[in-house]
Amino acid sequence: MRYHRGSKALGIEASDYARVERVDPKTNQVTVRTDDNRTISYDPRRLEGVTLYREVERAFAEGDRVQMTAPDRQRGVPNRELGTIVRTEANGRMEIRWDAGRTSSFEPGGRRHLDYGYAVTSHSSQGPTAGRVLVQVEAERACEKLVNQRFAYVAVSRGQSDARIFTDDKVKLARVLDRDVSHRSALERTPGQVSRQGTDRQIS
């Protein structure tokens, strides 16, 4: 767990980390152990600004594409910044050149929010562009809040020359992508008016 705001009452500072030790559904209490080995129990409904993570192992090598999954203010690296590992050392230290042009060094214990950058979510891809974009969507898991017209526009419009969508059900996905979740006034759309533009778009 990462605490973005912290809590004076619980003795938790902003940017502190902790691991969940146990949960008690009857009393709605969660018990965590902080990095400095303190045990704290509290009602999670009374504490905001908390992000949960699942710890996994990653094997990195020179040339790997990577991305940050949380902002790193110490190094000035924003969330979802993409980069390439340019050097690794025997002690685990690595050097990354970010796409924005700067370079950062990471010690073995300072890479909590570093992940592979070969694929990114549609949400985090807003802004960057690429020559070719491949979008993978499972129709059965395409709930309204995640997959809709807005998602389709963001995902497909990242490609400068080619964008392809891969799915397990083309018919169902077409219906899902037709969902419009934008807020509009009565003057924003004329009935029957449709506009299309862009490059090669293909659903496989």
N, C-alpha and C. Protein backbone atom coordinates (compact mmCIF):
# COMPACT_ATOMS: atom_id res chain seq x y z
N MET A 1 0.84 -1.17 0.00
CA MET A 1 0.00 0.00 0.00
C MET A 1 0.89 1.24 0.00
N ARG A 2 0.44 2.26 -0.73
CA ARG A 2 1.15 3.53 -0.73
C ARG A 2 0.18 4.62 -0.29
N TYR A 3 0.61 5.40 0.69
CA TYR A 3 -0.24 6.45 1.24
C TYR A 3 0.17 7.80 0.62
N HIS A 4 -0.76 8.38 -0.11
CA HIS A 4 -0.46 9.64 -0.78
C HIS A 4 -0.67 10.84 0.14
N ARG A 5 -1.59 10.73 1.09
CA ARG A 5 -1.90 11.84 1.98
C ARG A 5 -1.37 11.63 3.40
N GLY A 6 -1.39 10.41 3.87
CA GLY A 6 -0.95 10.15 5.23
C GLY A 6 -2.03 10.47 6.26
N SER A 7 -1.71 10.24 7.54
CA SER A 7 -2.64 10.48 8.63
C SER A 7 -1.86 10.76 9.90
N LYS A 8 -2.05 11.95 10.49
CA LYS A 8 -1.37 12.28 11.74
C LYS A 8 -1.86 11.39 12.88
N ALA A 9 -3.16 11.10 12.87
CA ALA A 9 -3.72 10.28 13.95
C ALA A 9 -3.12 8.88 13.97
N LEU A 10 -2.81 8.34 12.79
CA LEU A 10 -2.26 6.99 12.71
C LEU A 10 -0.73 6.99 12.64
N GLY A 11 -0.14 8.17 12.52
CA GLY A 11 1.31 8.23 12.42
C GLY A 11 1.84 7.81 11.07
N ILE A 12 1.04 8.02 10.03
CA ILE A 12 1.43 7.66 8.68
C ILE A 12 1.72 8.94 7.89
N GLU A 13 2.89 9.01 7.28
CA GLU A 13 3.28 10.17 6.49
C GLU A 13 2.92 9.96 5.02
N ALA A 14 2.76 11.06 4.31
CA ALA A 14 2.53 10.98 2.87
C ALA A 14 3.72 10.29 2.21
N SER A 15 3.45 9.39 1.27
CA SER A 15 4.44 8.60 0.53
C SER A 15 4.97 7.41 1.32
N ASP A 16 4.42 7.15 2.53
CA ASP A 16 4.79 5.94 3.27
C ASP A 16 4.24 4.70 2.57
N TYR A 17 4.90 3.57 2.83
CA TYR A 17 4.46 2.28 2.30
C TYR A 17 4.16 1.33 3.46
N ALA A 18 3.26 0.38 3.20
CA ALA A 18 2.93 -0.63 4.19
C ALA A 18 2.43 -1.88 3.47
N ARG A 19 2.45 -2.98 4.17
CA ARG A 19 1.96 -4.25 3.62
C ARG A 19 0.78 -4.73 4.47
N VAL A 20 -0.28 -5.18 3.84
CA VAL A 20 -1.46 -5.66 4.56
C VAL A 20 -1.12 -6.96 5.27
N GLU A 21 -1.35 -6.97 6.59
CA GLU A 21 -1.10 -8.17 7.39
C GLU A 21 -2.35 -9.02 7.53
N ARG A 22 -3.49 -8.38 7.78
CA ARG A 22 -4.75 -9.12 7.90
C ARG A 22 -5.92 -8.14 7.80
N VAL A 23 -7.10 -8.69 7.55
CA VAL A 23 -8.32 -7.90 7.49
C VAL A 23 -9.37 -8.58 8.37
N ASP A 24 -10.24 -7.77 8.98
CA ASP A 24 -11.31 -8.28 9.82
C ASP A 24 -12.63 -7.73 9.29
N PRO A 25 -13.36 -8.51 8.48
CA PRO A 25 -14.62 -8.03 7.90
C PRO A 25 -15.68 -7.68 8.95
N LYS A 26 -15.66 -8.36 10.09
CA LYS A 26 -16.68 -8.11 11.11
C LYS A 26 -16.57 -6.71 11.70
N THR A 27 -15.36 -6.27 11.95
CA THR A 27 -15.15 -4.94 12.53
C THR A 27 -14.72 -3.93 11.47
N ASN A 28 -14.59 -4.40 10.25
CA ASN A 28 -14.14 -3.55 9.13
C ASN A 28 -12.80 -2.88 9.46
N GLN A 29 -11.86 -3.70 9.90
CA GLN A 29 -10.52 -3.22 10.25
C GLN A 29 -9.48 -3.88 9.35
N VAL A 30 -8.49 -3.10 8.96
CA VAL A 30 -7.36 -3.63 8.22
C VAL A 30 -6.12 -3.38 9.05
N THR A 31 -5.23 -4.36 9.12
CA THR A 31 -3.99 -4.23 9.87
C THR A 31 -2.83 -4.26 8.89
N VAL A 32 -1.96 -3.25 8.97
CA VAL A 32 -0.83 -3.15 8.04
C VAL A 32 0.47 -3.06 8.83
N ARG A 33 1.56 -3.44 8.15
CA ARG A 33 2.89 -3.29 8.74
C ARG A 33 3.67 -2.33 7.85
N THR A 34 4.14 -1.25 8.43
CA THR A 34 4.84 -0.23 7.67
C THR A 34 6.28 -0.65 7.38
N ASP A 35 6.94 0.12 6.51
CA ASP A 35 8.32 -0.20 6.17
C ASP A 35 9.26 -0.10 7.38
N ASP A 36 8.89 0.75 8.36
CA ASP A 36 9.73 0.85 9.56
C ASP A 36 9.26 -0.11 10.66
N ASN A 37 8.50 -1.16 10.25
CA ASN A 37 8.12 -2.28 11.11
C ASN A 37 7.12 -1.91 12.21
N ARG A 38 6.25 -0.94 11.96
CA ARG A 38 5.17 -0.63 12.89
C ARG A 38 3.89 -1.31 12.43
N THR A 39 3.09 -1.79 13.37
CA THR A 39 1.82 -2.43 13.05
C THR A 39 0.69 -1.46 13.39
N ILE A 40 -0.19 -1.21 12.41
CA ILE A 40 -1.27 -0.24 12.58
C ILE A 40 -2.57 -0.87 12.12
N SER A 41 -3.63 -0.72 12.93
CA SER A 41 -4.96 -1.19 12.57
C SER A 41 -5.90 0.01 12.46
N TYR A 42 -6.75 0.03 11.46
CA TYR A 42 -7.67 1.15 11.29
C TYR A 42 -8.81 0.75 10.35
N ASP A 43 -9.84 1.60 10.32
CA ASP A 43 -10.97 1.44 9.43
C ASP A 43 -10.62 2.11 8.09
N PRO A 44 -10.49 1.35 7.01
CA PRO A 44 -10.05 1.94 5.73
C PRO A 44 -11.00 2.99 5.18
N ARG A 45 -12.25 3.01 5.65
CA ARG A 45 -13.18 4.03 5.17
C ARG A 45 -12.82 5.42 5.67
N ARG A 46 -11.98 5.50 6.68
CA ARG A 46 -11.64 6.78 7.29
C ARG A 46 -10.30 7.34 6.81
N LEU A 47 -9.73 6.69 5.80
CA LEU A 47 -8.44 7.13 5.29
C LEU A 47 -8.48 7.15 3.77
N GLU A 48 -8.27 8.34 3.18
CA GLU A 48 -8.29 8.49 1.73
C GLU A 48 -6.87 8.63 1.20
N GLY A 49 -6.77 8.58 -0.13
CA GLY A 49 -5.46 8.74 -0.76
C GLY A 49 -4.56 7.54 -0.58
N VAL A 50 -5.11 6.33 -0.72
CA VAL A 50 -4.34 5.10 -0.57
C VAL A 50 -4.41 4.29 -1.86
N THR A 51 -3.27 3.84 -2.34
CA THR A 51 -3.21 3.03 -3.55
C THR A 51 -2.72 1.64 -3.20
N LEU A 52 -3.40 0.61 -3.72
CA LEU A 52 -3.03 -0.78 -3.47
C LEU A 52 -2.24 -1.33 -4.65
N TYR A 53 -1.23 -2.12 -4.36
CA TYR A 53 -0.41 -2.74 -5.39
C TYR A 53 -0.23 -4.22 -5.08
N ARG A 54 0.00 -4.98 -6.13
CA ARG A 54 0.37 -6.38 -5.96
C ARG A 54 1.84 -6.52 -6.34
N GLU A 55 2.64 -7.03 -5.43
CA GLU A 55 4.07 -7.13 -5.67
C GLU A 55 4.40 -8.30 -6.59
N VAL A 56 5.15 -8.03 -7.65
CA VAL A 56 5.59 -9.06 -8.59
C VAL A 56 7.06 -8.84 -8.92
N GLU A 57 7.70 -9.88 -9.39
CA GLU A 57 9.11 -9.79 -9.76
C GLU A 57 9.23 -9.44 -11.24
N ARG A 58 10.22 -8.62 -11.57
CA ARG A 58 10.52 -8.25 -12.94
C ARG A 58 12.01 -8.42 -13.19
N ALA A 59 12.35 -9.04 -14.31
CA ALA A 59 13.75 -9.20 -14.71
C ALA A 59 14.04 -8.20 -15.82
N PHE A 60 14.91 -7.23 -15.55
CA PHE A 60 15.21 -6.19 -16.52
C PHE A 60 16.59 -6.40 -17.13
N ALA A 61 16.75 -5.92 -18.36
CA ALA A 61 18.04 -6.00 -19.04
C ALA A 61 18.22 -4.75 -19.88
N GLU A 62 19.46 -4.51 -20.27
CA GLU A 62 19.73 -3.36 -21.12
C GLU A 62 18.92 -3.45 -22.41
N GLY A 63 18.34 -2.33 -22.79
CA GLY A 63 17.53 -2.30 -24.01
C GLY A 63 16.04 -2.47 -23.76
N ASP A 64 15.65 -2.91 -22.55
CA ASP A 64 14.23 -3.09 -22.23
C ASP A 64 13.50 -1.75 -22.22
N ARG A 65 12.27 -1.79 -22.74
CA ARG A 65 11.39 -0.63 -22.63
C ARG A 65 10.68 -0.71 -21.28
N VAL A 66 10.63 0.40 -20.54
CA VAL A 66 10.03 0.41 -19.22
C VAL A 66 9.12 1.64 -19.08
N GLN A 67 8.29 1.62 -18.03
CA GLN A 67 7.43 2.75 -17.74
C GLN A 67 7.27 2.89 -16.23
N MET A 68 7.02 4.10 -15.79
CA MET A 68 6.73 4.37 -14.38
C MET A 68 5.24 4.19 -14.15
N THR A 69 4.88 3.51 -13.06
CA THR A 69 3.46 3.30 -12.75
C THR A 69 2.98 4.21 -11.62
N ALA A 70 3.84 5.12 -11.18
CA ALA A 70 3.49 6.12 -10.18
C ALA A 70 4.48 7.26 -10.33
N PRO A 71 4.09 8.49 -10.03
CA PRO A 71 5.03 9.62 -10.18
C PRO A 71 6.21 9.50 -9.21
N ASP A 72 7.39 9.82 -9.71
CA ASP A 72 8.60 9.81 -8.90
C ASP A 72 9.09 11.26 -8.81
N ARG A 73 8.67 11.95 -7.75
CA ARG A 73 9.00 13.38 -7.62
C ARG A 73 10.49 13.59 -7.36
N GLN A 74 11.11 12.64 -6.69
CA GLN A 74 12.54 12.77 -6.39
C GLN A 74 13.37 12.85 -7.66
N ARG A 75 13.01 12.07 -8.66
CA ARG A 75 13.76 12.05 -9.92
C ARG A 75 13.09 12.90 -11.00
N GLY A 76 11.92 13.44 -10.69
CA GLY A 76 11.21 14.27 -11.67
C GLY A 76 10.64 13.47 -12.82
N VAL A 77 10.20 12.23 -12.53
CA VAL A 77 9.64 11.37 -13.56
C VAL A 77 8.13 11.24 -13.34
N PRO A 78 7.30 11.67 -14.28
CA PRO A 78 5.85 11.60 -14.09
C PRO A 78 5.31 10.19 -14.24
N ASN A 79 4.08 10.01 -13.82
CA ASN A 79 3.41 8.72 -13.96
C ASN A 79 3.27 8.36 -15.43
N ARG A 80 3.54 7.10 -15.77
CA ARG A 80 3.41 6.52 -17.11
C ARG A 80 4.44 7.04 -18.10
N GLU A 81 5.51 7.64 -17.60
CA GLU A 81 6.60 8.03 -18.48
C GLU A 81 7.27 6.77 -19.02
N LEU A 82 7.59 6.76 -20.30
CA LEU A 82 8.23 5.63 -20.96
C LEU A 82 9.71 5.91 -21.17
N GLY A 83 10.51 4.85 -21.10
CA GLY A 83 11.95 5.01 -21.31
C GLY A 83 12.60 3.70 -21.69
N THR A 84 13.93 3.74 -21.82
CA THR A 84 14.71 2.56 -22.22
C THR A 84 15.89 2.40 -21.27
N ILE A 85 16.11 1.17 -20.81
CA ILE A 85 17.26 0.89 -19.94
C ILE A 85 18.52 0.93 -20.78
N VAL A 86 19.44 1.82 -20.43
CA VAL A 86 20.67 1.97 -21.21
C VAL A 86 21.86 1.30 -20.53
N ARG A 87 21.74 1.01 -19.22
CA ARG A 87 22.87 0.35 -18.53
C ARG A 87 22.40 -0.34 -17.27
N THR A 88 22.92 -1.52 -17.00
CA THR A 88 22.68 -2.23 -15.75
C THR A 88 24.03 -2.63 -15.16
N GLU A 89 24.08 -2.68 -13.82
CA GLU A 89 25.32 -3.04 -13.14
C GLU A 89 25.11 -4.30 -12.31
N ALA A 90 26.21 -4.91 -11.91
CA ALA A 90 26.16 -6.18 -11.18
C ALA A 90 25.44 -6.05 -9.85
N ASN A 91 25.47 -4.87 -9.24
CA ASN A 91 24.81 -4.67 -7.94
C ASN A 91 23.32 -4.36 -8.07
N GLY A 92 22.80 -4.39 -9.30
CA GLY A 92 21.38 -4.15 -9.51
C GLY A 92 21.03 -2.73 -9.91
N ARG A 93 21.99 -1.83 -9.86
CA ARG A 93 21.73 -0.45 -10.24
C ARG A 93 21.51 -0.36 -11.75
N MET A 94 20.57 0.49 -12.16
CA MET A 94 20.31 0.64 -13.59
C MET A 94 20.13 2.11 -13.95
N GLU A 95 20.39 2.38 -15.21
CA GLU A 95 20.24 3.74 -15.72
C GLU A 95 19.21 3.72 -16.85
N ILE A 96 18.27 4.67 -16.79
CA ILE A 96 17.18 4.71 -17.76
C ILE A 96 17.17 6.05 -18.47
N ARG A 97 17.08 6.02 -19.79
CA ARG A 97 16.91 7.23 -20.56
C ARG A 97 15.43 7.35 -20.93
N TRP A 98 14.78 8.37 -20.41
CA TRP A 98 13.36 8.56 -20.65
C TRP A 98 13.11 9.19 -22.01
N ASP A 99 11.95 8.92 -22.57
CA ASP A 99 11.62 9.43 -23.90
C ASP A 99 11.61 10.96 -23.94
N ALA A 100 11.41 11.58 -22.76
CA ALA A 100 11.40 13.04 -22.71
C ALA A 100 12.81 13.62 -22.81
N GLY A 101 13.86 12.76 -22.71
CA GLY A 101 15.22 13.21 -22.91
C GLY A 101 16.12 13.14 -21.69
N ARG A 102 15.56 13.09 -20.49
CA ARG A 102 16.40 13.05 -19.29
C ARG A 102 16.80 11.61 -18.95
N THR A 103 17.76 11.48 -18.05
CA THR A 103 18.26 10.17 -17.63
C THR A 103 18.16 10.06 -16.11
N SER A 104 17.77 8.87 -15.62
CA SER A 104 17.64 8.63 -14.18
C SER A 104 18.34 7.34 -13.82
N SER A 105 18.87 7.30 -12.57
CA SER A 105 19.50 6.10 -12.06
C SER A 105 18.65 5.53 -10.93
N PHE A 106 18.55 4.20 -10.87
CA PHE A 106 17.74 3.52 -9.87
C PHE A 106 18.59 2.48 -9.16
N GLU A 107 18.55 2.53 -7.82
CA GLU A 107 19.18 1.49 -7.02
C GLU A 107 18.22 0.31 -6.91
N PRO A 108 18.69 -0.88 -6.50
CA PRO A 108 17.82 -2.06 -6.42
C PRO A 108 16.56 -1.85 -5.60
N GLY A 109 16.64 -1.10 -4.50
CA GLY A 109 15.47 -0.91 -3.66
C GLY A 109 14.61 0.27 -4.04
N GLY A 110 14.93 0.96 -5.12
CA GLY A 110 14.20 2.16 -5.50
C GLY A 110 13.40 2.03 -6.77
N ARG A 111 12.98 0.79 -7.09
CA ARG A 111 12.27 0.57 -8.35
C ARG A 111 10.87 0.00 -8.12
N ARG A 112 10.21 0.47 -7.08
CA ARG A 112 8.91 -0.09 -6.73
C ARG A 112 7.86 0.13 -7.81
N HIS A 113 7.97 1.19 -8.55
CA HIS A 113 6.94 1.53 -9.53
C HIS A 113 7.47 1.51 -10.95
N LEU A 114 8.37 0.59 -11.21
CA LEU A 114 8.93 0.42 -12.55
C LEU A 114 8.41 -0.86 -13.16
N ASP A 115 7.89 -0.78 -14.38
CA ASP A 115 7.32 -1.96 -15.03
C ASP A 115 7.74 -1.96 -16.50
N TYR A 116 7.45 -3.07 -17.19
CA TYR A 116 7.74 -3.13 -18.62
C TYR A 116 6.92 -2.09 -19.37
N GLY A 117 7.50 -1.57 -20.44
CA GLY A 117 6.81 -0.54 -21.20
C GLY A 117 6.53 -0.93 -22.64
N TYR A 118 6.43 -2.23 -22.90
CA TYR A 118 6.16 -2.68 -24.27
C TYR A 118 4.69 -2.50 -24.64
N ALA A 119 3.83 -2.48 -23.63
CA ALA A 119 2.40 -2.26 -23.85
C ALA A 119 1.89 -1.34 -22.75
N VAL A 120 0.95 -0.46 -23.09
CA VAL A 120 0.39 0.47 -22.11
C VAL A 120 -1.12 0.45 -22.21
N THR A 121 -1.79 0.93 -21.16
CA THR A 121 -3.24 1.00 -21.19
C THR A 121 -3.68 2.16 -22.08
N SER A 122 -4.91 2.09 -22.54
CA SER A 122 -5.45 3.17 -23.37
C SER A 122 -5.45 4.48 -22.61
N HIS A 123 -5.79 4.42 -21.32
CA HIS A 123 -5.84 5.63 -20.50
C HIS A 123 -4.49 6.31 -20.41
N SER A 124 -3.45 5.53 -20.19
CA SER A 124 -2.12 6.11 -20.02
C SER A 124 -1.48 6.51 -21.34
N SER A 125 -2.06 6.09 -22.47
CA SER A 125 -1.49 6.42 -23.78
C SER A 125 -1.96 7.76 -24.31
N GLN A 126 -2.81 8.47 -23.57
CA GLN A 126 -3.29 9.77 -24.02
C GLN A 126 -2.13 10.74 -24.14
N GLY A 127 -1.99 11.33 -25.30
CA GLY A 127 -0.90 12.28 -25.54
C GLY A 127 0.14 11.74 -26.50
N PRO A 128 0.85 10.63 -26.16
CA PRO A 128 1.87 10.11 -27.07
C PRO A 128 1.26 9.56 -28.37
N THR A 129 2.06 9.56 -29.42
CA THR A 129 1.64 8.97 -30.69
C THR A 129 2.69 7.96 -31.14
N ALA A 130 2.29 7.08 -32.06
CA ALA A 130 3.20 6.08 -32.61
C ALA A 130 2.83 5.85 -34.06
N GLY A 131 3.77 5.33 -34.83
CA GLY A 131 3.48 5.06 -36.23
C GLY A 131 2.40 4.02 -36.39
N ARG A 132 2.47 2.97 -35.55
CA ARG A 132 1.51 1.88 -35.64
C ARG A 132 1.02 1.52 -34.25
N VAL A 133 -0.28 1.31 -34.11
CA VAL A 133 -0.88 0.99 -32.81
C VAL A 133 -1.63 -0.33 -32.90
N LEU A 134 -1.40 -1.22 -31.94
CA LEU A 134 -2.12 -2.48 -31.82
C LEU A 134 -2.92 -2.43 -30.54
N VAL A 135 -4.24 -2.60 -30.63
CA VAL A 135 -5.12 -2.53 -29.47
C VAL A 135 -5.74 -3.90 -29.23
N GLN A 136 -5.61 -4.42 -28.00
CA GLN A 136 -6.18 -5.72 -27.65
C GLN A 136 -7.33 -5.50 -26.66
N VAL A 137 -8.52 -6.02 -27.01
CA VAL A 137 -9.70 -5.86 -26.16
C VAL A 137 -10.46 -7.18 -26.10
N GLU A 138 -10.74 -7.66 -24.87
CA GLU A 138 -11.58 -8.84 -24.70
C GLU A 138 -13.02 -8.37 -24.56
N ALA A 139 -13.88 -8.76 -25.51
CA ALA A 139 -15.26 -8.27 -25.54
C ALA A 139 -16.03 -8.63 -24.27
N GLU A 140 -15.80 -9.82 -23.72
CA GLU A 140 -16.54 -10.26 -22.54
C GLU A 140 -16.21 -9.41 -21.31
N ARG A 141 -15.04 -8.79 -21.29
CA ARG A 141 -14.62 -8.00 -20.13
C ARG A 141 -14.74 -6.51 -20.38
N ALA A 142 -15.40 -6.15 -21.45
CA ALA A 142 -15.51 -4.73 -21.83
C ALA A 142 -16.69 -4.08 -21.13
N CYS A 143 -16.52 -3.71 -19.87
CA CYS A 143 -17.61 -3.05 -19.14
C CYS A 143 -17.74 -1.61 -19.60
N GLU A 144 -18.87 -1.02 -19.30
CA GLU A 144 -19.20 0.31 -19.83
C GLU A 144 -18.20 1.38 -19.40
N LYS A 145 -17.68 1.30 -18.17
CA LYS A 145 -16.79 2.34 -17.69
C LYS A 145 -15.41 2.27 -18.34
N LEU A 146 -15.06 1.12 -18.94
CA LEU A 146 -13.73 0.95 -19.50
C LEU A 146 -13.69 1.02 -21.01
N VAL A 147 -14.68 0.42 -21.67
CA VAL A 147 -14.66 0.36 -23.13
C VAL A 147 -15.91 1.02 -23.68
N ASN A 148 -15.72 2.09 -24.45
CA ASN A 148 -16.82 2.86 -25.02
C ASN A 148 -16.25 3.72 -26.15
N GLN A 149 -17.05 4.67 -26.64
CA GLN A 149 -16.58 5.51 -27.73
C GLN A 149 -15.33 6.30 -27.36
N ARG A 150 -15.27 6.77 -26.13
CA ARG A 150 -14.12 7.56 -25.70
C ARG A 150 -12.86 6.72 -25.69
N PHE A 151 -12.98 5.48 -25.19
CA PHE A 151 -11.85 4.56 -25.19
C PHE A 151 -11.37 4.32 -26.62
N ALA A 152 -12.32 4.06 -27.53
CA ALA A 152 -11.98 3.76 -28.92
C ALA A 152 -11.23 4.93 -29.56
N TYR A 153 -11.70 6.14 -29.30
CA TYR A 153 -11.04 7.32 -29.89
C TYR A 153 -9.62 7.46 -29.38
N VAL A 154 -9.43 7.35 -28.06
CA VAL A 154 -8.10 7.51 -27.48
C VAL A 154 -7.15 6.43 -28.00
N ALA A 155 -7.62 5.18 -28.00
CA ALA A 155 -6.75 4.07 -28.38
C ALA A 155 -6.37 4.13 -29.85
N VAL A 156 -7.35 4.34 -30.72
CA VAL A 156 -7.11 4.27 -32.16
C VAL A 156 -6.41 5.52 -32.68
N SER A 157 -6.68 6.66 -32.11
CA SER A 157 -6.12 7.91 -32.63
C SER A 157 -4.65 8.09 -32.30
N ARG A 158 -4.06 7.18 -31.50
CA ARG A 158 -2.62 7.29 -31.21
C ARG A 158 -1.79 6.92 -32.42
N GLY A 159 -2.34 6.13 -33.34
CA GLY A 159 -1.58 5.68 -34.50
C GLY A 159 -1.53 6.71 -35.60
N GLN A 160 -0.32 7.04 -36.08
CA GLN A 160 -0.17 8.03 -37.13
C GLN A 160 -0.48 7.47 -38.51
N SER A 161 -0.17 6.18 -38.74
CA SER A 161 -0.38 5.61 -40.07
C SER A 161 -1.21 4.34 -40.06
N ASP A 162 -1.30 3.66 -38.90
CA ASP A 162 -2.01 2.39 -38.88
C ASP A 162 -2.46 2.08 -37.46
N ALA A 163 -3.69 1.58 -37.32
CA ALA A 163 -4.21 1.16 -36.02
C ALA A 163 -5.05 -0.09 -36.22
N ARG A 164 -4.79 -1.12 -35.44
CA ARG A 164 -5.52 -2.39 -35.57
C ARG A 164 -6.03 -2.83 -34.20
N ILE A 165 -7.27 -3.32 -34.17
CA ILE A 165 -7.89 -3.79 -32.93
C ILE A 165 -8.03 -5.30 -33.00
N PHE A 166 -7.54 -6.00 -32.00
CA PHE A 166 -7.64 -7.45 -31.92
C PHE A 166 -8.61 -7.82 -30.80
N THR A 167 -9.58 -8.67 -31.11
CA THR A 167 -10.60 -9.03 -30.12
C THR A 167 -11.07 -10.46 -30.35
N ASP A 168 -11.78 -10.99 -29.36
CA ASP A 168 -12.31 -12.35 -29.47
C ASP A 168 -13.73 -12.38 -30.01
N ASP A 169 -14.37 -11.21 -30.19
CA ASP A 169 -15.74 -11.16 -30.69
C ASP A 169 -15.96 -9.81 -31.37
N LYS A 170 -15.84 -9.78 -32.70
CA LYS A 170 -15.94 -8.51 -33.43
C LYS A 170 -17.33 -7.90 -33.33
N VAL A 171 -18.37 -8.74 -33.41
CA VAL A 171 -19.74 -8.23 -33.39
C VAL A 171 -20.06 -7.60 -32.03
N LYS A 172 -19.72 -8.30 -30.96
CA LYS A 172 -20.01 -7.77 -29.63
C LYS A 172 -19.18 -6.53 -29.34
N LEU A 173 -17.92 -6.54 -29.75
CA LEU A 173 -17.08 -5.38 -29.49
C LEU A 173 -17.59 -4.15 -30.23
N ALA A 174 -18.10 -4.34 -31.44
CA ALA A 174 -18.65 -3.22 -32.21
C ALA A 174 -19.81 -2.56 -31.45
N ARG A 175 -20.65 -3.38 -30.80
CA ARG A 175 -21.76 -2.83 -30.03
C ARG A 175 -21.23 -2.10 -28.79
N VAL A 176 -20.19 -2.67 -28.17
CA VAL A 176 -19.62 -2.06 -26.97
C VAL A 176 -19.00 -0.70 -27.30
N LEU A 177 -18.27 -0.63 -28.41
CA LEU A 177 -17.60 0.61 -28.78
C LEU A 177 -18.58 1.69 -29.22
N ASP A 178 -19.82 1.32 -29.45
CA ASP A 178 -20.83 2.29 -29.87
C ASP A 178 -21.41 3.06 -28.68
N ARG A 179 -21.06 2.63 -27.45
CA ARG A 179 -21.60 3.31 -26.27
C ARG A 179 -20.95 4.67 -26.10
N ASP A 180 -21.78 5.68 -26.00
CA ASP A 180 -21.32 7.06 -25.85
C ASP A 180 -21.52 7.50 -24.40
N VAL A 181 -20.44 7.80 -23.69
CA VAL A 181 -20.54 8.19 -22.28
C VAL A 181 -20.24 9.67 -22.08
N SER A 182 -20.11 10.42 -23.17
CA SER A 182 -19.80 11.84 -23.05
C SER A 182 -21.03 12.62 -22.63
N HIS A 183 -20.81 13.78 -22.03
CA HIS A 183 -21.89 14.67 -21.63
C HIS A 183 -22.03 15.77 -22.68
N ARG A 184 -23.22 15.92 -23.23
CA ARG A 184 -23.40 16.92 -24.27
C ARG A 184 -24.69 17.70 -24.05
N SER A 185 -24.71 18.90 -24.54
CA SER A 185 -25.92 19.71 -24.46
C SER A 185 -26.78 19.48 -25.70
N ALA A 186 -27.97 20.09 -25.73
CA ALA A 186 -28.88 19.89 -26.84
C ALA A 186 -28.35 20.49 -28.13
N LEU A 187 -27.37 21.38 -28.08
CA LEU A 187 -26.86 22.05 -29.27
C LEU A 187 -25.60 21.43 -29.83
N GLU A 188 -25.09 20.41 -29.17
CA GLU A 188 -23.80 19.86 -29.57
C GLU A 188 -23.86 18.84 -30.69
N ARG A 189 -25.06 18.35 -31.00
CA ARG A 189 -25.14 17.31 -32.01
C ARG A 189 -26.42 17.43 -32.81
N THR A 190 -26.28 17.32 -34.11
CA THR A 190 -27.44 17.35 -34.99
C THR A 190 -27.84 15.93 -35.31
N PRO A 191 -29.12 15.55 -35.12
CA PRO A 191 -29.55 14.18 -35.40
C PRO A 191 -29.17 13.75 -36.81
N GLY A 192 -28.57 12.58 -36.92
CA GLY A 192 -28.19 12.03 -38.22
C GLY A 192 -26.84 12.49 -38.71
N GLN A 193 -26.18 13.40 -38.00
CA GLN A 193 -24.89 13.91 -38.44
C GLN A 193 -23.78 12.99 -37.97
N VAL A 194 -22.96 12.50 -38.91
CA VAL A 194 -21.84 11.62 -38.60
C VAL A 194 -20.62 12.10 -39.34
N SER A 195 -19.49 12.17 -38.66
CA SER A 195 -18.24 12.56 -39.31
C SER A 195 -17.20 11.50 -39.06
N ARG A 196 -16.39 11.21 -40.05
CA ARG A 196 -15.34 10.20 -39.92
C ARG A 196 -14.06 10.75 -40.51
N GLN A 197 -12.94 10.43 -39.85
CA GLN A 197 -11.65 10.81 -40.38
C GLN A 197 -10.59 9.91 -39.77
N GLY A 198 -9.39 9.91 -40.35
CA GLY A 198 -8.31 9.10 -39.78
C GLY A 198 -7.62 8.27 -40.84
N THR A 199 -6.82 7.30 -40.37
CA THR A 199 -6.02 6.47 -41.26
C THR A 199 -6.63 5.07 -41.30
N ASP A 200 -5.85 4.10 -41.67
CA ASP A 200 -6.32 2.72 -41.78
C ASP A 200 -6.76 2.19 -40.43
N ARG A 201 -8.00 1.73 -40.31
CA ARG A 201 -8.53 1.19 -39.06
C ARG A 201 -9.06 -0.21 -39.35
N GLN A 202 -8.65 -1.18 -38.60
CA GLN A 202 -9.05 -2.56 -38.85
C GLN A 202 -9.32 -3.30 -37.56
N ILE A 203 -10.44 -4.03 -37.50
CA ILE A 203 -10.75 -4.89 -36.36
C ILE A 203 -10.54 -6.33 -36.78
N SER A 204 -9.69 -7.05 -36.02
CA SER A 204 -9.40 -8.46 -36.35
C SER A 204 -10.06 -9.38 -35.36
